[in-house]
Amino acid sequence: MARQNLKIACLTYRISGISRKSRGRSQVKKTVIIVQARVGSSRLRGKVLLPLAGKTLLERMLQRVSAVKSPCEIVVATTTDIEDDKIRRVCRQGGIKCFSGNPTDLLDRHFKAAKEIRADVVVKIPSDCPLIDPGIIDRVLDFYFAGNFDYASNLHPATYPDGNDVEVMPFAVLEEAWVRATMPFELEHTTPYIWERPDRFRIGNVAWETGLDYSMTHRWTIDYPEDYEFIKGVYDALWTEAHPVFSMSDILDLLESKPELSNANRKYAGVNWYRHYLHELKTITAAQTKIIEETTSL
């Protein structure tokens, strides 16, 4: 059944009647962190399976996400492609729930994963954030539950070092996006239908409490081989069995003492997917992305 053929009127009633009333933690049955992951990355194939401190990058990231203090379940949302059997195997060995869905429609994959696990609140975190600080995840969750939001994140506008991406929304809002979104970038990137409509949805944002903005200068995400070189350098310097989940402050202290580490991927600082859709995005400006000449096929 086509999404648009669903009962929009009933859905709209649920959005206005449920998602916008006050939500304390005690009212929420289940908060689910969905980590999207696939082997077939266009720029750095198999990046989530690259080695970090004796495990895969995905396992190290899940270790960090699992350190959140907020009560959450975690599910990895991968694709139905055969090559992603490797991700299903990693999840099975680590005792992590895994959902397999649409390879290219990330909105569909997130919605169906959340529906299958019966999530009340959905936390979206991409698998290309292996340095994400669990304390930041907790901070965005605390902000969401303390407020009256349809969507809360630390991305609109972003201020934390790139690679600490956290987005939170009630299932009903994700469902509305799933039903109504039609633009290719809305389907590929899951949440633009929501945050591009501040007139419809109550949008909240968590800014870095320092007042600093490192979103365009500190790149801690992974899309290119140079990103892996940087991330591996951080893990080699900070990861130990006794202290496996180091913090954002630990990384910043490391970079202050060894600034040369950032040279590895400095040329990609500020690069993100927004650059491809500046003519279509209404709430994003050119100052929030960096245009580069691609040297690899997309």
Protein backbone atom coordinates (compact mmCIF):
# COMPACT_ATOMS: atom_id res chain seq x y z
CA MET A 1 0.00 0.00 0.00
CA ALA A 2 1.37 3.42 -0.93
CA ARG A 3 2.22 5.65 1.97
CA GLN A 4 -0.07 8.40 0.71
CA ASN A 5 -3.02 6.00 0.70
CA LEU A 6 -2.88 5.64 4.48
CA LYS A 7 -5.48 7.46 6.55
CA ILE A 8 -3.92 10.90 6.83
CA ALA A 9 -6.76 12.34 8.88
CA CYS A 10 -6.36 9.70 11.59
CA LEU A 11 -2.60 10.18 11.57
CA THR A 12 -2.93 13.96 11.92
CA TYR A 13 -5.19 13.48 14.91
CA ARG A 14 -2.56 11.33 16.60
CA ILE A 15 0.17 13.88 15.91
CA SER A 16 -1.79 16.79 17.37
CA GLY A 17 -3.29 14.80 20.19
CA ILE A 18 -0.29 12.87 21.44
CA SER A 19 3.05 14.21 20.26
CA ARG A 20 2.52 17.76 21.49
CA LYS A 21 1.44 17.14 25.02
CA SER A 22 3.98 17.09 27.81
CA ARG A 23 6.01 13.87 27.90
CA GLY A 24 7.90 12.96 31.03
CA ARG A 25 10.05 9.84 31.05
CA SER A 26 7.49 8.05 33.21
CA GLN A 27 4.90 8.44 30.43
CA VAL A 28 7.12 6.85 27.77
CA LYS A 29 7.09 3.06 27.55
CA LYS A 30 10.09 2.57 25.31
CA THR A 31 12.91 4.77 24.00
CA VAL A 32 14.86 3.17 21.16
CA ILE A 33 18.20 4.27 19.71
CA ILE A 34 18.36 3.32 16.03
CA VAL A 35 21.85 3.14 14.53
CA GLN A 36 21.76 2.95 10.74
CA ALA A 37 24.59 0.89 9.25
CA ARG A 38 25.46 -0.76 5.96
CA VAL A 39 28.52 -2.17 4.25
CA GLY A 40 27.89 -0.48 0.90
CA SER A 41 28.98 3.05 1.77
CA SER A 42 29.52 5.04 -1.42
CA ARG A 43 32.77 6.78 -0.39
CA LEU A 44 34.39 4.33 2.01
CA ARG A 45 33.02 0.87 1.43
CA GLY A 46 32.84 -1.31 4.53
CA LYS A 47 33.74 1.57 6.85
CA VAL A 48 31.63 0.23 9.72
CA LEU A 49 33.70 -2.99 9.67
CA LEU A 50 37.11 -1.30 9.77
CA PRO A 51 39.21 -2.29 12.80
CA LEU A 52 39.34 -0.12 15.92
CA ALA A 53 41.06 -1.33 19.09
CA GLY A 54 40.62 -4.98 18.21
CA LYS A 55 36.95 -4.75 17.20
CA THR A 56 35.01 -3.34 14.27
CA LEU A 57 34.21 0.35 14.08
CA LEU A 58 30.52 -0.50 14.49
CA GLU A 59 31.19 -2.50 17.66
CA ARG A 60 33.23 0.32 19.18
CA MET A 61 30.50 2.81 18.36
CA LEU A 62 27.81 0.57 19.86
CA GLN A 63 29.98 0.27 22.98
CA ARG A 64 29.88 4.04 23.30
CA VAL A 65 26.14 4.30 22.61
CA SER A 66 25.48 1.58 25.17
CA ALA A 67 27.12 3.75 27.83
CA VAL A 68 24.21 6.21 27.89
CA LYS A 69 22.61 6.61 31.32
CA SER A 70 19.11 7.11 29.95
CA PRO A 71 17.02 3.90 29.78
CA CYS A 72 17.11 2.94 26.09
CA GLU A 73 17.05 -0.07 23.83
CA ILE A 74 19.45 -0.18 20.89
CA VAL A 75 18.75 -1.57 17.43
CA VAL A 76 20.95 -1.51 14.34
CA ALA A 77 19.01 -0.79 11.16
CA THR A 78 20.83 -2.32 8.21
CA THR A 79 19.69 -3.28 4.72
CA THR A 80 18.31 -6.46 3.16
CA ASP A 81 21.40 -6.69 0.92
CA ILE A 82 23.33 -9.95 1.22
CA GLU A 83 26.56 -8.09 1.92
CA ASP A 84 25.00 -6.78 5.13
CA ASP A 85 24.95 -10.32 6.52
CA LYS A 86 28.28 -9.19 7.99
CA ILE A 87 26.49 -6.52 10.02
CA ARG A 88 23.78 -8.97 11.10
CA ARG A 89 26.56 -11.29 12.28
CA VAL A 90 28.25 -8.53 14.30
CA CYS A 91 24.94 -7.69 15.97
CA ARG A 92 24.14 -11.31 16.70
CA GLN A 93 27.55 -11.91 18.27
CA GLY A 94 27.21 -8.74 20.35
CA GLY A 95 23.64 -9.39 21.48
CA ILE A 96 22.36 -6.28 19.66
CA LYS A 97 18.97 -6.30 17.95
CA CYS A 98 19.16 -5.88 14.20
CA PHE A 99 16.50 -4.86 11.67
CA SER A 100 16.95 -5.28 7.91
CA GLY A 101 15.15 -2.87 5.62
CA ASN A 102 15.23 -0.69 2.53
CA PRO A 103 18.79 -0.14 1.21
CA THR A 104 18.23 3.44 0.00
CA ASP A 105 15.08 4.76 1.71
CA LEU A 106 16.40 5.51 5.20
CA LEU A 107 13.10 7.01 6.32
CA ASP A 108 11.33 3.77 5.50
CA ARG A 109 14.05 1.75 7.23
CA HIS A 110 13.91 3.84 10.42
CA PHE A 111 10.12 3.84 10.54
CA LYS A 112 9.78 0.10 10.06
CA ALA A 113 12.56 -0.66 12.55
CA ALA A 114 10.86 1.57 15.13
CA LYS A 115 7.48 0.02 14.39
CA GLU A 116 8.78 -3.54 14.69
CA ILE A 117 10.40 -2.86 18.06
CA ARG A 118 7.36 -0.81 19.20
CA ALA A 119 9.26 2.34 20.02
CA ASP A 120 7.48 5.25 21.67
CA VAL A 121 10.45 7.59 21.25
CA VAL A 122 13.02 7.19 18.47
CA VAL A 123 16.64 8.34 18.77
CA LYS A 124 18.43 8.50 15.42
CA ILE A 125 22.22 8.14 15.44
CA PRO A 126 24.21 7.34 12.26
CA SER A 127 26.90 4.66 12.35
CA ASP A 128 29.53 7.07 11.03
CA CYS A 129 29.93 8.61 14.51
CA PRO A 130 32.39 6.24 16.25
CA LEU A 131 33.60 9.02 18.58
CA ILE A 132 30.15 10.06 19.77
CA ASP A 133 30.06 11.03 23.45
CA PRO A 134 27.30 9.16 25.35
CA GLY A 135 27.03 12.16 27.64
CA ILE A 136 25.85 14.22 24.68
CA ILE A 137 23.20 11.63 23.85
CA ASP A 138 21.97 11.88 27.44
CA ARG A 139 21.94 15.66 27.28
CA VAL A 140 19.75 15.71 24.15
CA LEU A 141 17.43 13.12 25.67
CA ASP A 142 17.13 15.10 28.91
CA PHE A 143 16.33 18.21 26.87
CA TYR A 144 13.68 16.37 24.85
CA PHE A 145 11.93 14.87 27.86
CA ALA A 146 12.03 18.14 29.82
CA GLY A 147 10.40 20.06 26.99
CA ASN A 148 7.39 19.83 24.76
CA PHE A 149 8.95 18.99 21.42
CA ASP A 150 8.02 17.10 18.29
CA TYR A 151 11.71 16.88 17.43
CA ALA A 152 14.89 17.70 19.34
CA SER A 153 18.50 17.45 18.21
CA ASN A 154 21.91 19.05 18.49
CA LEU A 155 22.06 19.71 14.74
CA HIS A 156 19.81 22.68 13.96
CA PRO A 157 22.05 24.50 14.25
CA ALA A 158 25.00 22.24 15.01
CA THR A 159 27.72 23.41 17.43
CA TYR A 160 29.37 20.23 18.76
CA PRO A 161 32.29 18.66 16.86
CA ASP A 162 30.91 16.94 13.77
CA GLY A 163 30.22 13.31 14.62
CA ASN A 164 28.12 13.78 17.77
CA ASP A 165 24.78 13.69 15.93
CA VAL A 166 21.68 13.00 18.05
CA GLU A 167 18.05 13.36 16.90
CA VAL A 168 15.02 12.52 19.04
CA MET A 169 11.34 12.35 18.07
CA PRO A 170 8.16 10.54 19.10
CA PHE A 171 7.19 7.60 16.92
CA ALA A 172 4.04 9.40 15.77
CA VAL A 173 6.07 12.24 14.24
CA LEU A 174 8.38 9.78 12.48
CA GLU A 175 5.26 8.07 11.17
CA GLU A 176 3.88 11.31 9.77
CA ALA A 177 7.17 11.91 7.98
CA TRP A 178 7.03 8.36 6.60
CA VAL A 179 3.54 8.93 5.26
CA ARG A 180 3.98 12.43 3.87
CA ALA A 181 7.60 12.79 2.72
CA THR A 182 8.16 12.63 -1.04
CA MET A 183 11.39 14.48 -1.81
CA PRO A 184 14.37 12.19 -2.47
CA PHE A 185 16.51 13.86 0.22
CA GLU A 186 13.66 13.46 2.75
CA LEU A 187 13.63 9.72 2.13
CA GLU A 188 17.42 9.33 2.06
CA HIS A 189 18.16 11.36 5.19
CA THR A 190 15.14 10.35 7.33
CA THR A 191 14.29 13.53 9.23
CA PRO A 192 14.38 16.58 6.88
CA TYR A 193 10.61 16.45 6.43
CA ILE A 194 10.38 17.24 10.15
CA TRP A 195 13.06 19.85 10.77
CA GLU A 196 12.35 21.64 7.50
CA ARG A 197 8.84 22.44 8.81
CA PRO A 198 9.21 24.49 12.01
CA ASP A 199 5.77 25.94 11.30
CA ARG A 200 4.24 22.47 11.72
CA PHE A 201 6.50 20.81 14.28
CA ARG A 202 7.85 22.14 17.56
CA ILE A 203 11.63 21.97 17.03
CA GLY A 204 14.15 22.06 19.88
CA ASN A 205 17.92 22.30 19.69
CA VAL A 206 20.73 21.61 22.16
CA ALA A 207 23.72 23.90 21.74
CA TRP A 208 27.15 23.09 23.15
CA GLU A 209 27.14 24.51 26.66
CA THR A 210 30.58 26.10 26.18
CA GLY A 211 29.14 28.57 23.71
CA LEU A 212 31.71 27.41 21.14
CA ASP A 213 30.93 26.15 17.65
CA TYR A 214 33.23 23.39 16.38
CA SER A 215 30.73 21.93 13.89
CA MET A 216 32.62 23.20 10.84
CA THR A 217 36.17 22.90 12.17
CA HIS A 218 36.35 19.56 14.03
CA ARG A 219 35.47 16.53 11.92
CA TRP A 220 35.01 13.32 13.94
CA THR A 221 32.77 11.44 11.52
CA ILE A 222 33.81 8.96 8.84
CA ASP A 223 33.26 9.11 5.09
CA TYR A 224 36.79 9.12 3.70
CA PRO A 225 40.02 7.15 4.30
CA GLU A 226 41.50 10.26 5.93
CA ASP A 227 38.65 10.25 8.46
CA TYR A 228 39.53 6.70 9.42
CA GLU A 229 43.18 7.71 9.84
CA PHE A 230 42.10 10.43 12.30
CA ILE A 231 39.65 8.22 14.22
CA LYS A 232 42.14 5.36 14.46
CA GLY A 233 44.73 7.82 15.77
CA VAL A 234 42.33 8.92 18.51
CA TYR A 235 41.51 5.33 19.49
CA ASP A 236 45.18 4.33 19.47
CA ALA A 237 45.92 7.19 21.86
CA LEU A 238 42.93 7.01 24.21
CA TRP A 239 41.29 3.59 24.19
CA THR A 240 42.19 1.14 26.94
CA GLU A 241 40.36 -1.87 28.33
CA ALA A 242 40.10 -0.07 31.66
CA HIS A 243 38.75 3.12 30.03
CA PRO A 244 37.08 2.11 26.74
CA VAL A 245 34.59 5.00 26.57
CA PHE A 246 36.61 8.21 26.58
CA SER A 247 34.78 11.54 26.42
CA MET A 248 34.63 14.49 24.05
CA SER A 249 36.76 16.40 26.57
CA ASP A 250 39.36 13.62 26.47
CA ILE A 251 39.54 13.95 22.68
CA LEU A 252 39.82 17.74 22.80
CA ASP A 253 42.61 17.46 25.37
CA LEU A 254 44.38 14.97 23.10
CA LEU A 255 44.08 17.29 20.11
CA GLU A 256 45.46 20.16 22.15
CA SER A 257 48.54 18.12 23.00
CA LYS A 258 48.79 16.51 19.54
CA PRO A 259 47.25 18.95 17.06
CA GLU A 260 48.87 17.12 14.17
CA LEU A 261 46.24 14.37 14.50
CA SER A 262 43.64 16.69 12.99
CA ASN A 263 45.75 17.21 9.89
CA ALA A 264 44.69 13.82 8.56
CA ASN A 265 41.16 14.89 7.60
CA ARG A 266 41.27 18.66 8.02
CA LYS A 267 40.42 19.26 4.34
CA TYR A 268 37.02 17.62 4.89
CA ALA A 269 36.03 19.64 7.95
CA GLY A 270 32.56 21.05 7.33
CA VAL A 271 31.71 18.64 4.51
CA ASN A 272 28.23 17.12 4.81
CA TRP A 273 25.28 16.12 2.67
CA TYR A 274 23.65 19.56 2.79
CA ARG A 275 25.93 20.75 0.00
CA HIS A 276 23.99 18.67 -2.54
CA TYR A 277 20.62 20.22 -1.69
CA LEU A 278 21.23 23.88 -0.86
CA HIS A 279 18.78 24.91 -3.58
CA GLU A 280 16.05 22.77 -1.98
CA LEU A 281 16.65 23.08 1.78
CA LYS A 282 14.80 25.99 3.37
CA THR A 283 16.39 25.99 6.85
CA ILE A 284 20.01 25.34 5.86
CA THR A 285 22.43 27.97 4.57
CA ALA A 286 25.69 27.70 2.65
CA ALA A 287 27.54 28.56 5.88
CA GLN A 288 26.50 25.17 7.30
CA THR A 289 28.33 23.07 4.73
CA LYS A 290 31.46 23.01 2.62
CA ILE A 291 31.61 22.48 -1.12
CA ILE A 292 34.37 20.18 -2.33
CA GLU A 293 35.29 18.60 -5.63
CA GLU A 294 34.56 14.90 -5.30
CA THR A 295 37.38 12.60 -6.35
CA THR A 296 35.40 9.38 -5.96
CA SER A 297 32.16 8.30 -7.56
CA LEU A 298 29.01 8.64 -5.45
